[in-house]
Amino acid sequence: MTSIILAGGKSSRLGRNKALQTIGGKTLIQWIVDRLAILSTEIIIATAHGEAIPCSSAVTIRTVADVYPGKGPLGGIHAGLMASSSSRAIVVSCDIPFLSVGLLKYMTQICPAFDVVVPRIKDKIEPLCAVYSQNCLAHLQKLLEQDKRQIRKLFSMVKVKYVEEDEINRFDPEHLSFFNINSQAELERARKLAAEKGWSS
């Protein structure tokens, strides 16, 4: 199973590269790599121009550039799936450090019958903590060429399995997998949370 980390954003709200901010002595992207390496044989980091982001793992890590730069997460998903050696891949953004390995594993186990497996809590969908199939590539390309950047548009074109709240709660009752960091206040909250739970480097 390949994992794809989307790290092509401008981090405009935080004002600096989110992926390199630290929690408990470890960068956000390293937190994510460490969790994905438990499930993956390959990790792909999708960035706007293929710029490297420092991180390490026993699993192979590759960096790829967006084929359609400036198109947001949809462009990163497309570039990652294009480069993936697996037919399906876990896709996550670079700013959600508290991923539940159990939840991700569960999603990979139910994914073969679907093109996308995505968590849903009430009416809120989490498309940047999901599993995508390479069957999505042609649809992604079509959307990108039409400059349609909403991931929900893809979902209307492919076979989607929604992982509902009761399923998510079995693995991640606090929904920390979806705690994303866009601001300094959220970064400080994440640092406090990691300290309270005894999570560190």
N, C-alpha and C. Protein backbone atom coordinates (compact mmCIF):
# COMPACT_ATOMS: atom_id res chain seq x y z
N MET A 1 0.85 -1.19 0.00
CA MET A 1 0.00 0.00 0.00
C MET A 1 0.88 1.25 0.00
N THR A 2 0.59 2.14 -0.91
CA THR A 2 1.28 3.43 -0.97
C THR A 2 0.53 4.44 -0.11
N SER A 3 1.26 5.38 0.46
CA SER A 3 0.64 6.52 1.13
C SER A 3 1.13 7.80 0.45
N ILE A 4 0.24 8.75 0.32
CA ILE A 4 0.54 10.04 -0.32
C ILE A 4 0.28 11.15 0.69
N ILE A 5 1.28 12.00 0.89
CA ILE A 5 1.14 13.16 1.77
C ILE A 5 1.07 14.40 0.90
N LEU A 6 0.02 15.18 1.06
CA LEU A 6 -0.15 16.40 0.27
C LEU A 6 0.52 17.56 1.01
N ALA A 7 1.57 18.10 0.41
CA ALA A 7 2.36 19.16 1.05
C ALA A 7 2.62 20.30 0.08
N GLY A 8 1.66 20.56 -0.78
CA GLY A 8 1.85 21.59 -1.80
C GLY A 8 1.19 22.91 -1.50
N GLY A 9 0.57 23.00 -0.31
CA GLY A 9 -0.12 24.24 0.04
C GLY A 9 0.84 25.37 0.38
N LYS A 10 0.30 26.58 0.43
CA LYS A 10 1.13 27.77 0.67
C LYS A 10 1.24 28.12 2.15
N SER A 11 0.49 27.41 3.02
CA SER A 11 0.51 27.69 4.46
C SER A 11 0.29 29.17 4.74
N SER A 12 -0.62 29.77 4.00
CA SER A 12 -0.79 31.23 4.07
C SER A 12 -1.29 31.70 5.43
N ARG A 13 -2.14 30.92 6.07
CA ARG A 13 -2.67 31.34 7.37
C ARG A 13 -1.62 31.27 8.46
N LEU A 14 -0.74 30.28 8.39
CA LEU A 14 0.30 30.14 9.40
C LEU A 14 1.49 31.05 9.10
N GLY A 15 1.73 31.31 7.82
CA GLY A 15 2.80 32.22 7.44
C GLY A 15 4.15 31.56 7.26
N ARG A 16 4.21 30.25 7.41
CA ARG A 16 5.45 29.50 7.19
C ARG A 16 5.08 28.05 6.90
N ASN A 17 6.04 27.27 6.45
CA ASN A 17 5.76 25.90 6.01
C ASN A 17 5.22 25.06 7.17
N LYS A 18 3.97 24.65 7.05
CA LYS A 18 3.34 23.86 8.12
C LYS A 18 4.07 22.55 8.37
N ALA A 19 4.48 21.92 7.30
CA ALA A 19 5.07 20.58 7.41
C ALA A 19 6.31 20.55 8.30
N LEU A 20 6.97 21.69 8.44
CA LEU A 20 8.23 21.74 9.19
C LEU A 20 8.06 22.26 10.62
N GLN A 21 6.83 22.59 11.01
CA GLN A 21 6.59 23.00 12.39
C GLN A 21 6.70 21.78 13.31
N THR A 22 7.11 22.00 14.55
CA THR A 22 7.38 20.87 15.44
C THR A 22 6.36 20.73 16.55
N ILE A 23 6.11 19.47 16.90
CA ILE A 23 5.31 19.10 18.06
C ILE A 23 6.11 18.03 18.81
N GLY A 24 6.40 18.28 20.06
CA GLY A 24 7.15 17.29 20.82
C GLY A 24 8.49 16.96 20.22
N GLY A 25 9.13 17.95 19.62
CA GLY A 25 10.47 17.75 19.07
C GLY A 25 10.51 17.08 17.71
N LYS A 26 9.35 16.95 17.07
CA LYS A 26 9.28 16.27 15.77
C LYS A 26 8.43 17.09 14.82
N THR A 27 8.83 17.19 13.56
CA THR A 27 8.06 17.97 12.59
C THR A 27 6.72 17.31 12.30
N LEU A 28 5.77 18.13 11.85
CA LEU A 28 4.46 17.59 11.50
C LEU A 28 4.58 16.48 10.47
N ILE A 29 5.40 16.70 9.46
CA ILE A 29 5.48 15.68 8.41
C ILE A 29 6.11 14.40 8.94
N GLN A 30 7.04 14.52 9.90
CA GLN A 30 7.63 13.31 10.47
C GLN A 30 6.62 12.54 11.31
N TRP A 31 5.76 13.26 12.04
CA TRP A 31 4.67 12.59 12.76
C TRP A 31 3.85 11.73 11.79
N ILE A 32 3.53 12.31 10.64
CA ILE A 32 2.68 11.63 9.67
C ILE A 32 3.41 10.46 9.02
N VAL A 33 4.67 10.69 8.63
CA VAL A 33 5.48 9.63 8.03
C VAL A 33 5.60 8.44 8.98
N ASP A 34 5.84 8.70 10.25
CA ASP A 34 6.01 7.62 11.22
C ASP A 34 4.75 6.75 11.31
N ARG A 35 3.59 7.36 11.22
CA ARG A 35 2.35 6.58 11.28
C ARG A 35 2.09 5.84 9.97
N LEU A 36 2.28 6.51 8.86
CA LEU A 36 2.02 5.88 7.56
C LEU A 36 2.98 4.74 7.28
N ALA A 37 4.21 4.83 7.81
CA ALA A 37 5.21 3.78 7.56
C ALA A 37 4.78 2.44 8.14
N ILE A 38 3.88 2.47 9.12
CA ILE A 38 3.39 1.22 9.71
C ILE A 38 2.54 0.45 8.69
N LEU A 39 1.91 1.17 7.78
CA LEU A 39 0.97 0.57 6.83
C LEU A 39 1.49 0.51 5.40
N SER A 40 2.56 1.26 5.11
CA SER A 40 2.95 1.50 3.72
C SER A 40 4.28 0.87 3.35
N THR A 41 4.40 0.54 2.08
CA THR A 41 5.68 0.12 1.52
C THR A 41 6.34 1.26 0.77
N GLU A 42 5.59 2.34 0.56
CA GLU A 42 6.07 3.49 -0.20
C GLU A 42 5.30 4.71 0.28
N ILE A 43 6.03 5.81 0.49
CA ILE A 43 5.40 7.08 0.85
C ILE A 43 5.78 8.11 -0.20
N ILE A 44 4.78 8.77 -0.76
CA ILE A 44 5.00 9.81 -1.76
C ILE A 44 4.58 11.15 -1.16
N ILE A 45 5.45 12.13 -1.26
CA ILE A 45 5.12 13.48 -0.81
C ILE A 45 4.89 14.33 -2.06
N ALA A 46 3.68 14.83 -2.20
CA ALA A 46 3.33 15.64 -3.37
C ALA A 46 3.47 17.11 -3.01
N THR A 47 4.37 17.81 -3.70
CA THR A 47 4.58 19.24 -3.46
C THR A 47 4.36 19.99 -4.77
N ALA A 48 4.24 21.29 -4.67
CA ALA A 48 3.90 22.09 -5.84
C ALA A 48 4.92 21.93 -6.97
N HIS A 49 6.20 21.95 -6.61
CA HIS A 49 7.25 21.92 -7.64
C HIS A 49 8.27 20.80 -7.40
N GLY A 50 7.92 19.83 -6.59
CA GLY A 50 8.82 18.71 -6.34
C GLY A 50 9.91 19.01 -5.33
N GLU A 51 9.74 20.10 -4.57
CA GLU A 51 10.74 20.46 -3.59
C GLU A 51 10.75 19.45 -2.44
N ALA A 52 11.94 19.08 -2.00
CA ALA A 52 12.08 18.08 -0.95
C ALA A 52 11.71 18.67 0.41
N ILE A 53 11.11 17.85 1.27
CA ILE A 53 10.80 18.23 2.64
C ILE A 53 11.51 17.24 3.55
N PRO A 54 12.39 17.69 4.43
CA PRO A 54 13.19 16.77 5.24
C PRO A 54 12.33 15.87 6.13
N CYS A 55 12.54 14.57 5.99
CA CYS A 55 11.93 13.56 6.85
C CYS A 55 12.64 12.25 6.57
N SER A 56 12.44 11.27 7.43
CA SER A 56 13.15 10.01 7.25
C SER A 56 12.27 8.84 7.65
N SER A 57 12.57 7.69 7.07
CA SER A 57 11.82 6.47 7.37
C SER A 57 12.54 5.28 6.77
N ALA A 58 12.29 4.10 7.33
CA ALA A 58 12.81 2.87 6.73
C ALA A 58 12.07 2.55 5.44
N VAL A 59 10.88 3.13 5.28
CA VAL A 59 10.08 2.97 4.07
C VAL A 59 10.59 3.96 3.01
N THR A 60 10.53 3.56 1.75
CA THR A 60 10.95 4.44 0.66
C THR A 60 10.08 5.69 0.62
N ILE A 61 10.72 6.86 0.58
CA ILE A 61 10.01 8.13 0.47
C ILE A 61 10.42 8.80 -0.84
N ARG A 62 9.43 9.20 -1.63
CA ARG A 62 9.70 9.93 -2.88
C ARG A 62 8.92 11.23 -2.87
N THR A 63 9.48 12.23 -3.51
CA THR A 63 8.79 13.51 -3.67
C THR A 63 8.43 13.69 -5.14
N VAL A 64 7.20 14.12 -5.39
CA VAL A 64 6.77 14.36 -6.76
C VAL A 64 6.18 15.76 -6.86
N ALA A 65 6.26 16.33 -8.05
CA ALA A 65 5.69 17.65 -8.31
C ALA A 65 4.29 17.52 -8.89
N ASP A 66 3.45 18.48 -8.57
CA ASP A 66 2.11 18.50 -9.16
C ASP A 66 2.21 18.61 -10.69
N VAL A 67 1.47 17.77 -11.37
CA VAL A 67 1.38 17.86 -12.84
C VAL A 67 0.59 19.10 -13.23
N TYR A 68 -0.39 19.42 -12.40
CA TYR A 68 -1.21 20.62 -12.60
C TYR A 68 -0.99 21.53 -11.38
N PRO A 69 0.09 22.30 -11.35
CA PRO A 69 0.39 23.13 -10.18
C PRO A 69 -0.65 24.22 -9.95
N GLY A 70 -0.80 24.56 -8.68
CA GLY A 70 -1.74 25.62 -8.33
C GLY A 70 -3.19 25.20 -8.31
N LYS A 71 -3.46 23.90 -8.34
CA LYS A 71 -4.84 23.41 -8.39
C LYS A 71 -5.31 22.84 -7.05
N GLY A 72 -4.55 23.09 -5.99
CA GLY A 72 -4.97 22.66 -4.67
C GLY A 72 -4.82 21.16 -4.44
N PRO A 73 -5.51 20.63 -3.41
CA PRO A 73 -5.38 19.22 -3.06
C PRO A 73 -5.68 18.26 -4.21
N LEU A 74 -6.63 18.62 -5.07
CA LEU A 74 -6.97 17.74 -6.19
C LEU A 74 -5.75 17.48 -7.07
N GLY A 75 -4.95 18.53 -7.28
CA GLY A 75 -3.73 18.36 -8.06
C GLY A 75 -2.72 17.47 -7.38
N GLY A 76 -2.64 17.56 -6.06
CA GLY A 76 -1.72 16.71 -5.31
C GLY A 76 -2.15 15.25 -5.31
N ILE A 77 -3.44 15.02 -5.18
CA ILE A 77 -3.95 13.64 -5.24
C ILE A 77 -3.64 13.04 -6.61
N HIS A 78 -3.86 13.81 -7.66
CA HIS A 78 -3.59 13.35 -9.02
C HIS A 78 -2.11 13.00 -9.19
N ALA A 79 -1.22 13.90 -8.77
CA ALA A 79 0.22 13.66 -8.93
C ALA A 79 0.67 12.45 -8.13
N GLY A 80 0.15 12.32 -6.91
CA GLY A 80 0.52 11.18 -6.07
C GLY A 80 0.07 9.86 -6.65
N LEU A 81 -1.18 9.81 -7.11
CA LEU A 81 -1.70 8.56 -7.69
C LEU A 81 -0.97 8.22 -8.99
N MET A 82 -0.61 9.23 -9.76
CA MET A 82 0.16 9.00 -10.99
C MET A 82 1.49 8.30 -10.69
N ALA A 83 2.11 8.70 -9.58
CA ALA A 83 3.44 8.18 -9.24
C ALA A 83 3.39 6.90 -8.42
N SER A 84 2.21 6.56 -7.92
CA SER A 84 2.08 5.42 -7.00
C SER A 84 2.35 4.09 -7.69
N SER A 85 3.06 3.23 -6.98
CA SER A 85 3.29 1.87 -7.50
C SER A 85 2.17 0.92 -7.09
N SER A 86 1.23 1.41 -6.28
CA SER A 86 0.08 0.63 -5.85
C SER A 86 -1.18 1.13 -6.56
N SER A 87 -2.15 0.27 -6.70
CA SER A 87 -3.39 0.67 -7.36
C SER A 87 -4.26 1.52 -6.46
N ARG A 88 -4.00 1.45 -5.15
CA ARG A 88 -4.73 2.26 -4.18
C ARG A 88 -3.75 2.91 -3.22
N ALA A 89 -4.12 4.05 -2.70
CA ALA A 89 -3.21 4.77 -1.81
C ALA A 89 -3.98 5.50 -0.72
N ILE A 90 -3.40 5.50 0.47
CA ILE A 90 -3.86 6.38 1.54
C ILE A 90 -3.44 7.79 1.17
N VAL A 91 -4.33 8.74 1.28
CA VAL A 91 -4.01 10.14 0.98
C VAL A 91 -4.33 10.99 2.20
N VAL A 92 -3.32 11.73 2.67
CA VAL A 92 -3.53 12.61 3.83
C VAL A 92 -2.85 13.95 3.58
N SER A 93 -3.33 14.99 4.24
CA SER A 93 -2.67 16.28 4.16
C SER A 93 -1.52 16.31 5.16
N CYS A 94 -0.62 17.28 4.99
CA CYS A 94 0.60 17.33 5.80
C CYS A 94 0.38 17.99 7.15
N ASP A 95 -0.86 18.36 7.47
CA ASP A 95 -1.10 19.10 8.71
C ASP A 95 -2.02 18.38 9.68
N ILE A 96 -2.09 17.04 9.58
CA ILE A 96 -2.91 16.25 10.51
C ILE A 96 -2.00 15.22 11.20
N PRO A 97 -1.29 15.63 12.25
CA PRO A 97 -0.25 14.77 12.84
C PRO A 97 -0.75 13.60 13.67
N PHE A 98 -2.02 13.63 14.09
CA PHE A 98 -2.50 12.62 15.04
C PHE A 98 -3.34 11.54 14.37
N LEU A 99 -2.88 11.07 13.24
CA LEU A 99 -3.59 10.03 12.49
C LEU A 99 -3.74 8.75 13.30
N SER A 100 -4.90 8.14 13.20
CA SER A 100 -5.13 6.83 13.81
C SER A 100 -4.73 5.73 12.83
N VAL A 101 -3.69 4.99 13.16
CA VAL A 101 -3.25 3.89 12.30
C VAL A 101 -4.36 2.85 12.17
N GLY A 102 -5.08 2.62 13.27
CA GLY A 102 -6.17 1.64 13.23
C GLY A 102 -7.26 2.03 12.25
N LEU A 103 -7.62 3.31 12.24
CA LEU A 103 -8.65 3.77 11.31
C LEU A 103 -8.17 3.66 9.87
N LEU A 104 -6.94 4.08 9.62
CA LEU A 104 -6.40 3.98 8.26
C LEU A 104 -6.35 2.53 7.79
N LYS A 105 -5.92 1.64 8.68
CA LYS A 105 -5.86 0.22 8.31
C LYS A 105 -7.25 -0.31 7.98
N TYR A 106 -8.23 0.07 8.78
CA TYR A 106 -9.61 -0.35 8.52
C TYR A 106 -10.06 0.13 7.15
N MET A 107 -9.75 1.37 6.81
CA MET A 107 -10.17 1.91 5.51
C MET A 107 -9.49 1.17 4.36
N THR A 108 -8.23 0.77 4.55
CA THR A 108 -7.55 0.03 3.48
C THR A 108 -8.14 -1.37 3.32
N GLN A 109 -8.67 -1.92 4.39
CA GLN A 109 -9.24 -3.27 4.31
C GLN A 109 -10.57 -3.30 3.58
N ILE A 110 -11.30 -2.18 3.61
CA ILE A 110 -12.61 -2.17 2.94
C ILE A 110 -12.55 -1.50 1.57
N CYS A 111 -11.36 -1.05 1.16
CA CYS A 111 -11.28 -0.25 -0.06
C CYS A 111 -11.36 -1.01 -1.38
N PRO A 112 -11.05 -2.33 -1.47
CA PRO A 112 -10.97 -2.95 -2.79
C PRO A 112 -12.23 -2.82 -3.65
N ALA A 113 -13.40 -2.72 -3.05
CA ALA A 113 -14.63 -2.66 -3.83
C ALA A 113 -15.01 -1.23 -4.23
N PHE A 114 -14.19 -0.26 -3.83
CA PHE A 114 -14.56 1.15 -4.05
C PHE A 114 -13.40 1.94 -4.65
N ASP A 115 -13.73 3.05 -5.28
CA ASP A 115 -12.70 3.94 -5.82
C ASP A 115 -12.19 4.92 -4.77
N VAL A 116 -13.04 5.27 -3.82
CA VAL A 116 -12.67 6.16 -2.72
C VAL A 116 -13.31 5.63 -1.44
N VAL A 117 -12.54 5.62 -0.36
CA VAL A 117 -13.07 5.34 0.98
C VAL A 117 -12.75 6.56 1.82
N VAL A 118 -13.80 7.22 2.33
CA VAL A 118 -13.60 8.51 2.98
C VAL A 118 -14.44 8.62 4.26
N PRO A 119 -13.85 9.11 5.34
CA PRO A 119 -14.62 9.29 6.58
C PRO A 119 -15.67 10.39 6.44
N ARG A 120 -16.78 10.20 7.16
CA ARG A 120 -17.85 11.20 7.17
C ARG A 120 -18.43 11.26 8.57
N ILE A 121 -18.43 12.46 9.15
CA ILE A 121 -19.00 12.69 10.47
C ILE A 121 -20.17 13.65 10.29
N LYS A 122 -21.37 13.11 10.50
CA LYS A 122 -22.60 13.83 10.18
C LYS A 122 -22.54 14.23 8.70
N ASP A 123 -22.50 15.52 8.37
CA ASP A 123 -22.44 15.90 6.96
C ASP A 123 -21.05 16.40 6.56
N LYS A 124 -20.07 16.23 7.44
CA LYS A 124 -18.72 16.69 7.16
C LYS A 124 -17.86 15.55 6.64
N ILE A 125 -17.35 15.71 5.44
CA ILE A 125 -16.51 14.69 4.80
C ILE A 125 -15.04 15.06 5.01
N GLU A 126 -14.20 14.05 5.18
CA GLU A 126 -12.76 14.26 5.40
C GLU A 126 -11.96 13.70 4.21
N PRO A 127 -11.97 14.40 3.07
CA PRO A 127 -11.34 13.86 1.86
C PRO A 127 -9.82 13.84 1.90
N LEU A 128 -9.21 14.51 2.89
CA LEU A 128 -7.75 14.53 2.98
C LEU A 128 -7.25 13.60 4.09
N CYS A 129 -8.08 12.60 4.37
CA CYS A 129 -7.69 11.48 5.23
C CYS A 129 -8.49 10.29 4.72
N ALA A 130 -8.13 9.83 3.54
CA ALA A 130 -8.98 8.88 2.81
C ALA A 130 -8.11 7.93 1.97
N VAL A 131 -8.76 7.00 1.32
CA VAL A 131 -8.09 6.06 0.43
C VAL A 131 -8.65 6.25 -0.98
N TYR A 132 -7.74 6.39 -1.95
CA TYR A 132 -8.13 6.63 -3.35
C TYR A 132 -7.54 5.56 -4.25
N SER A 133 -8.30 5.21 -5.28
CA SER A 133 -7.86 4.25 -6.28
C SER A 133 -7.34 4.97 -7.52
N GLN A 134 -6.44 4.33 -8.23
CA GLN A 134 -5.98 4.89 -9.50
C GLN A 134 -7.09 4.94 -10.54
N ASN A 135 -8.22 4.27 -10.26
CA ASN A 135 -9.39 4.40 -11.14
C ASN A 135 -9.88 5.85 -11.19
N CYS A 136 -9.48 6.65 -10.21
CA CYS A 136 -9.89 8.06 -10.16
C CYS A 136 -9.09 8.94 -11.11
N LEU A 137 -7.98 8.44 -11.64
CA LEU A 137 -7.05 9.31 -12.36
C LEU A 137 -7.67 10.02 -13.56
N ALA A 138 -8.40 9.29 -14.39
CA ALA A 138 -8.99 9.92 -15.58
C ALA A 138 -9.98 11.01 -15.18
N HIS A 139 -10.76 10.76 -14.13
CA HIS A 139 -11.73 11.75 -13.67
C HIS A 139 -11.00 12.96 -13.07
N LEU A 140 -9.93 12.70 -12.32
CA LEU A 140 -9.15 13.80 -11.75
C LEU A 140 -8.57 14.68 -12.85
N GLN A 141 -8.04 14.04 -13.87
CA GLN A 141 -7.46 14.81 -14.98
C GLN A 141 -8.52 15.68 -15.66
N LYS A 142 -9.68 15.11 -15.85
CA LYS A 142 -10.77 15.86 -16.49
C LYS A 142 -11.14 17.08 -15.65
N LEU A 143 -11.28 16.89 -14.35
CA LEU A 143 -11.64 18.00 -13.47
C LEU A 143 -10.55 19.08 -13.46
N LEU A 144 -9.30 18.65 -13.39
CA LEU A 144 -8.19 19.60 -13.35
C LEU A 144 -8.09 20.40 -14.64
N GLU A 145 -8.30 19.73 -15.76
CA GLU A 145 -8.24 20.43 -17.04
C GLU A 145 -9.38 21.44 -17.19
N GLN A 146 -10.48 21.19 -16.49
CA GLN A 146 -11.61 22.12 -16.50
C GLN A 146 -11.52 23.13 -15.37
N ASP A 147 -10.40 23.07 -14.61
CA ASP A 147 -10.17 23.95 -13.47
C ASP A 147 -11.27 23.83 -12.41
N LYS A 148 -11.78 22.63 -12.25
CA LYS A 148 -12.75 22.34 -11.20
C LYS A 148 -11.99 21.66 -10.05
N ARG A 149 -11.89 22.35 -8.92
CA ARG A 149 -10.97 21.93 -7.87
C ARG A 149 -11.65 21.30 -6.66
N GLN A 150 -12.96 21.24 -6.64
CA GLN A 150 -13.66 20.68 -5.49
C GLN A 150 -13.60 19.15 -5.52
N ILE A 151 -13.08 18.58 -4.43
CA ILE A 151 -12.95 17.12 -4.38
C ILE A 151 -14.32 16.45 -4.42
N ARG A 152 -15.33 17.12 -3.90
CA ARG A 152 -16.68 16.54 -3.92
C ARG A 152 -17.16 16.25 -5.34
N LYS A 153 -16.68 17.02 -6.31
CA LYS A 153 -17.06 16.76 -7.70
C LYS A 153 -16.57 15.39 -8.16
N LEU A 154 -15.38 15.01 -7.68
CA LEU A 154 -14.85 13.68 -8.01
C LEU A 154 -15.77 12.60 -7.45
N PHE A 155 -16.29 12.82 -6.23
CA PHE A 155 -17.09 11.79 -5.58
C PHE A 155 -18.36 11.47 -6.35
N SER A 156 -18.84 12.42 -7.13
CA SER A 156 -20.05 12.17 -7.92
C SER A 156 -19.74 11.37 -9.19
N MET A 157 -18.44 11.15 -9.44
CA MET A 157 -18.03 10.48 -10.68
C MET A 157 -17.51 9.07 -10.45
N VAL A 158 -17.28 8.70 -9.18
CA VAL A 158 -16.67 7.40 -8.88
C VAL A 158 -17.48 6.69 -7.79
N LYS A 159 -17.07 5.46 -7.49
CA LYS A 159 -17.75 4.65 -6.48
C LYS A 159 -17.14 4.95 -5.11
N VAL A 160 -17.95 5.53 -4.22
CA VAL A 160 -17.45 6.01 -2.93
C VAL A 160 -18.05 5.20 -1.78
N LYS A 161 -17.21 4.87 -0.83
CA LYS A 161 -17.65 4.27 0.43
C LYS A 161 -17.39 5.29 1.54
N TYR A 162 -18.46 5.69 2.22
CA TYR A 162 -18.31 6.61 3.34
C TYR A 162 -18.16 5.80 4.63
N VAL A 163 -17.14 6.12 5.39
CA VAL A 163 -16.93 5.51 6.70
C VAL A 163 -17.63 6.40 7.71
N GLU A 164 -18.68 5.88 8.33
CA GLU A 164 -19.53 6.71 9.16
C GLU A 164 -19.00 6.83 10.59
N GLU A 165 -19.62 7.73 11.34
CA GLU A 165 -19.09 8.10 12.65
C GLU A 165 -18.97 6.91 13.60
N ASP A 166 -19.94 6.01 13.59
CA ASP A 166 -19.86 4.87 14.50
C ASP A 166 -18.66 3.98 14.18
N GLU A 167 -18.30 3.88 12.90
CA GLU A 167 -17.12 3.12 12.51
C GLU A 167 -15.85 3.85 12.93
N ILE A 168 -15.81 5.15 12.70
CA ILE A 168 -14.65 5.96 13.09
C ILE A 168 -14.41 5.87 14.59
N ASN A 169 -15.50 5.91 15.37
CA ASN A 169 -15.38 5.92 16.83
C ASN A 169 -14.74 4.66 17.39
N ARG A 170 -14.80 3.58 16.66
CA ARG A 170 -14.17 2.33 17.12
C ARG A 170 -12.65 2.48 17.19
N PHE A 171 -12.11 3.33 16.35
CA PHE A 171 -10.66 3.49 16.27
C PHE A 171 -10.17 4.85 16.78
N ASP A 172 -11.00 5.85 16.64
CA ASP A 172 -10.58 7.21 16.94
C ASP A 172 -11.75 7.99 17.52
N PRO A 173 -12.14 7.67 18.77
CA PRO A 173 -13.34 8.27 19.35
C PRO A 173 -13.23 9.78 19.53
N GLU A 174 -12.02 10.32 19.63
CA GLU A 174 -11.86 11.77 19.77
C GLU A 174 -11.72 12.47 18.41
N HIS A 175 -11.70 11.69 17.34
CA HIS A 175 -11.59 12.22 15.97
C HIS A 175 -10.32 13.06 15.78
N LEU A 176 -9.25 12.63 16.45
CA LEU A 176 -7.99 13.38 16.35
C LEU A 176 -7.32 13.21 14.99
N SER A 177 -7.71 12.20 14.24
CA SER A 177 -7.16 12.03 12.89
C SER A 177 -7.45 13.24 12.01
N PHE A 178 -8.48 13.99 12.37
CA PHE A 178 -8.91 15.11 11.53
C PHE A 178 -8.54 16.46 12.14
N PHE A 179 -7.71 16.43 13.19
CA PHE A 179 -7.23 17.67 13.82
C PHE A 179 -6.17 18.26 12.91
N ASN A 180 -6.55 19.31 12.18
CA ASN A 180 -5.58 19.89 11.25
C ASN A 180 -5.10 21.25 11.75
N ILE A 181 -3.91 21.60 11.34
CA ILE A 181 -3.22 22.78 11.86
C ILE A 181 -3.07 23.82 10.75
N ASN A 182 -3.78 24.92 10.92
CA ASN A 182 -3.71 26.01 9.94
C ASN A 182 -3.23 27.31 10.54
N SER A 183 -3.20 27.39 11.86
CA SER A 183 -2.86 28.65 12.51
C SER A 183 -1.91 28.40 13.69
N GLN A 184 -1.33 29.46 14.21
CA GLN A 184 -0.45 29.34 15.37
C GLN A 184 -1.23 28.82 16.58
N ALA A 185 -2.47 29.27 16.73
CA ALA A 185 -3.28 28.80 17.86
C ALA A 185 -3.52 27.30 17.78
N GLU A 186 -3.79 26.80 16.59
CA GLU A 186 -4.01 25.36 16.42
C GLU A 186 -2.72 24.58 16.65
N LEU A 187 -1.60 25.15 16.25
CA LEU A 187 -0.30 24.51 16.51
C LEU A 187 -0.05 24.41 18.01
N GLU A 188 -0.34 25.47 18.73
CA GLU A 188 -0.15 25.45 20.18
C GLU A 188 -1.10 24.45 20.84
N ARG A 189 -2.34 24.36 20.34
CA ARG A 189 -3.27 23.35 20.87
C ARG A 189 -2.75 21.95 20.63
N ALA A 190 -2.16 21.72 19.47
CA ALA A 190 -1.61 20.40 19.15
C ALA A 190 -0.44 20.07 20.07
N ARG A 191 0.40 21.04 20.33
CA ARG A 191 1.55 20.82 21.23
C ARG A 191 1.07 20.48 22.64
N LYS A 192 0.05 21.20 23.09
CA LYS A 192 -0.50 20.94 24.42
C LYS A 192 -1.13 19.56 24.48
N LEU A 193 -1.87 19.20 23.44
CA LEU A 193 -2.51 17.89 23.40
C LEU A 193 -1.48 16.77 23.42
N ALA A 194 -0.44 16.91 22.62
CA ALA A 194 0.61 15.88 22.59
C ALA A 194 1.28 15.74 23.95
N ALA A 195 1.50 16.87 24.62
CA ALA A 195 2.13 16.83 25.94
C ALA A 195 1.22 16.15 26.96
N GLU A 196 -0.08 16.47 26.90
CA GLU A 196 -1.05 15.88 27.84
C GLU A 196 -1.14 14.37 27.68
N LYS A 197 -1.03 13.92 26.43
CA LYS A 197 -1.16 12.49 26.16
C LYS A 197 0.17 11.74 26.25
N GLY A 198 1.24 12.50 26.50
CA GLY A 198 2.55 11.86 26.61
C GLY A 198 3.14 11.45 25.30
N TRP A 199 2.68 12.07 24.21
CA TRP A 199 3.24 11.79 22.90
C TRP A 199 4.42 12.73 22.66
N SER A 200 5.52 12.18 22.26
CA SER A 200 6.70 13.02 21.98
C SER A 200 7.60 12.26 21.01
N SER A 201 8.74 12.91 20.67
CA SER A 201 9.70 12.26 19.78
C SER A 201 10.41 11.13 20.49
